[in-house]
Amino acid sequence: MELSFRRAQAVVNTLVSKYGIDANRLYPVGVGPLAPVASNKTEEGQAKNRRVELVE
């Protein structure tokens, strides 16, 4: 969960610093193993699960 949150926070930091998005509009949430899109039993599945989604 911590890694997932740090990944989301890194995206927020980049959007704020590089693209000038107002930080108050963004809220990072890490869901880690709670919402996989593929099985973590293979490298390919693990790669698909390392993602960031933007939700309006």
N, C-alpha and C. Protein backbone atom coordinates (compact mmCIF):
# COMPACT_ATOMS: atom_id res chain seq x y z
N MET A 1 0.82 -1.19 0.00
CA MET A 1 0.00 0.00 0.00
C MET A 1 0.87 1.26 0.00
N GLU A 2 1.95 1.21 0.75
CA GLU A 2 2.84 2.38 0.82
C GLU A 2 3.45 2.68 -0.55
N LEU A 3 3.91 1.66 -1.25
CA LEU A 3 4.48 1.86 -2.58
C LEU A 3 3.44 2.43 -3.53
N SER A 4 2.23 1.92 -3.46
CA SER A 4 1.15 2.41 -4.31
C SER A 4 0.87 3.89 -4.03
N PHE A 5 0.84 4.26 -2.77
CA PHE A 5 0.60 5.66 -2.42
C PHE A 5 1.75 6.54 -2.91
N ARG A 6 2.98 6.08 -2.74
CA ARG A 6 4.13 6.89 -3.17
C ARG A 6 4.12 7.07 -4.69
N ARG A 7 3.69 6.06 -5.42
CA ARG A 7 3.59 6.18 -6.88
C ARG A 7 2.55 7.25 -7.24
N ALA A 8 1.40 7.22 -6.59
CA ALA A 8 0.36 8.21 -6.84
C ALA A 8 0.84 9.61 -6.45
N GLN A 9 1.55 9.72 -5.35
CA GLN A 9 2.07 11.02 -4.91
C GLN A 9 3.09 11.56 -5.90
N ALA A 10 3.91 10.70 -6.46
CA ALA A 10 4.90 11.13 -7.44
C ALA A 10 4.23 11.70 -8.68
N VAL A 11 3.11 11.12 -9.08
CA VAL A 11 2.37 11.64 -10.24
C VAL A 11 1.79 13.02 -9.90
N VAL A 12 1.23 13.15 -8.71
CA VAL A 12 0.70 14.45 -8.29
C VAL A 12 1.81 15.49 -8.28
N ASN A 13 2.96 15.14 -7.72
CA ASN A 13 4.08 16.09 -7.67
C ASN A 13 4.49 16.53 -9.06
N THR A 14 4.53 15.61 -10.00
CA THR A 14 4.91 15.95 -11.37
C THR A 14 3.86 16.84 -12.02
N LEU A 15 2.59 16.52 -11.84
CA LEU A 15 1.54 17.34 -12.42
C LEU A 15 1.57 18.77 -11.88
N VAL A 16 1.89 18.90 -10.61
CA VAL A 16 1.94 20.22 -9.98
C VAL A 16 3.19 20.99 -10.43
N SER A 17 4.35 20.35 -10.35
CA SER A 17 5.60 21.07 -10.62
C SER A 17 5.87 21.28 -12.11
N LYS A 18 5.56 20.30 -12.91
CA LYS A 18 5.90 20.39 -14.33
C LYS A 18 4.79 20.98 -15.18
N TYR A 19 3.54 20.75 -14.80
CA TYR A 19 2.42 21.18 -15.63
C TYR A 19 1.56 22.27 -15.00
N GLY A 20 1.91 22.70 -13.78
CA GLY A 20 1.22 23.82 -13.15
C GLY A 20 -0.20 23.54 -12.68
N ILE A 21 -0.55 22.28 -12.50
CA ILE A 21 -1.88 21.95 -12.00
C ILE A 21 -1.96 22.35 -10.53
N ASP A 22 -3.09 22.93 -10.12
CA ASP A 22 -3.28 23.32 -8.73
C ASP A 22 -3.33 22.07 -7.85
N ALA A 23 -2.47 22.00 -6.85
CA ALA A 23 -2.37 20.84 -5.97
C ALA A 23 -3.68 20.56 -5.24
N ASN A 24 -4.49 21.57 -5.02
CA ASN A 24 -5.77 21.39 -4.33
C ASN A 24 -6.78 20.60 -5.16
N ARG A 25 -6.51 20.46 -6.46
CA ARG A 25 -7.41 19.71 -7.33
C ARG A 25 -7.07 18.22 -7.38
N LEU A 26 -5.95 17.84 -6.77
CA LEU A 26 -5.48 16.46 -6.87
C LEU A 26 -5.41 15.82 -5.50
N TYR A 27 -5.77 14.54 -5.45
CA TYR A 27 -5.75 13.79 -4.20
C TYR A 27 -5.20 12.40 -4.49
N PRO A 28 -3.96 12.12 -4.07
CA PRO A 28 -3.38 10.81 -4.36
C PRO A 28 -3.93 9.73 -3.44
N VAL A 29 -4.24 8.58 -4.02
CA VAL A 29 -4.73 7.43 -3.25
C VAL A 29 -4.02 6.20 -3.77
N GLY A 30 -3.47 5.42 -2.89
CA GLY A 30 -2.85 4.16 -3.27
C GLY A 30 -3.78 3.01 -2.94
N VAL A 31 -4.05 2.16 -3.91
CA VAL A 31 -4.95 1.03 -3.65
C VAL A 31 -4.20 -0.30 -3.63
N GLY A 32 -2.96 -0.30 -4.09
CA GLY A 32 -2.11 -1.48 -4.02
C GLY A 32 -2.80 -2.75 -4.47
N PRO A 33 -2.78 -3.78 -3.64
CA PRO A 33 -3.33 -5.08 -4.02
C PRO A 33 -4.86 -5.15 -3.97
N LEU A 34 -5.51 -4.05 -3.64
CA LEU A 34 -6.97 -4.07 -3.51
C LEU A 34 -7.70 -4.00 -4.86
N ALA A 35 -7.02 -3.54 -5.92
CA ALA A 35 -7.69 -3.36 -7.21
C ALA A 35 -6.79 -3.78 -8.37
N PRO A 36 -6.35 -5.03 -8.41
CA PRO A 36 -5.51 -5.46 -9.52
C PRO A 36 -6.32 -5.59 -10.82
N VAL A 37 -5.68 -5.33 -11.96
CA VAL A 37 -6.34 -5.54 -13.25
C VAL A 37 -5.86 -6.83 -13.89
N ALA A 38 -4.83 -7.44 -13.32
CA ALA A 38 -4.27 -8.69 -13.84
C ALA A 38 -3.71 -9.48 -12.67
N SER A 39 -3.42 -10.73 -12.91
CA SER A 39 -2.83 -11.59 -11.88
C SER A 39 -1.40 -11.15 -11.58
N ASN A 40 -1.03 -11.19 -10.32
CA ASN A 40 0.33 -10.85 -9.93
C ASN A 40 1.26 -12.05 -9.98
N LYS A 41 0.80 -13.16 -10.54
CA LYS A 41 1.60 -14.37 -10.61
C LYS A 41 2.62 -14.35 -11.75
N THR A 42 2.47 -13.40 -12.68
CA THR A 42 3.41 -13.30 -13.79
C THR A 42 4.00 -11.90 -13.85
N GLU A 43 5.16 -11.77 -14.49
CA GLU A 43 5.78 -10.45 -14.65
C GLU A 43 4.87 -9.52 -15.45
N GLU A 44 4.22 -10.07 -16.47
CA GLU A 44 3.33 -9.25 -17.29
C GLU A 44 2.15 -8.71 -16.46
N GLY A 45 1.59 -9.57 -15.63
CA GLY A 45 0.49 -9.14 -14.77
C GLY A 45 0.93 -8.10 -13.77
N GLN A 46 2.11 -8.28 -13.20
CA GLN A 46 2.63 -7.30 -12.25
C GLN A 46 2.85 -5.96 -12.93
N ALA A 47 3.35 -5.98 -14.16
CA ALA A 47 3.59 -4.74 -14.90
C ALA A 47 2.27 -4.01 -15.15
N LYS A 48 1.22 -4.76 -15.48
CA LYS A 48 -0.08 -4.13 -15.72
C LYS A 48 -0.65 -3.52 -14.46
N ASN A 49 -0.31 -4.08 -13.31
CA ASN A 49 -0.83 -3.56 -12.05
C ASN A 49 -0.06 -2.34 -11.54
N ARG A 50 1.10 -2.06 -12.11
CA ARG A 50 1.84 -0.84 -11.74
C ARG A 50 1.33 0.28 -12.61
N ARG A 51 0.29 0.92 -12.16
CA ARG A 51 -0.35 1.95 -12.96
C ARG A 51 -0.89 3.07 -12.08
N VAL A 52 -1.20 4.15 -12.72
CA VAL A 52 -1.87 5.27 -12.04
C VAL A 52 -3.08 5.62 -12.88
N GLU A 53 -4.19 5.77 -12.24
CA GLU A 53 -5.44 6.15 -12.92
C GLU A 53 -5.89 7.50 -12.42
N LEU A 54 -6.33 8.35 -13.33
CA LEU A 54 -6.88 9.64 -12.96
C LEU A 54 -8.40 9.52 -13.00
N VAL A 55 -9.04 9.89 -11.90
CA VAL A 55 -10.49 9.79 -11.79
C VAL A 55 -11.05 11.18 -11.54
N GLU A 56 -12.03 11.53 -12.32
CA GLU A 56 -12.64 12.86 -12.18
C GLU A 56 -13.66 12.84 -11.08
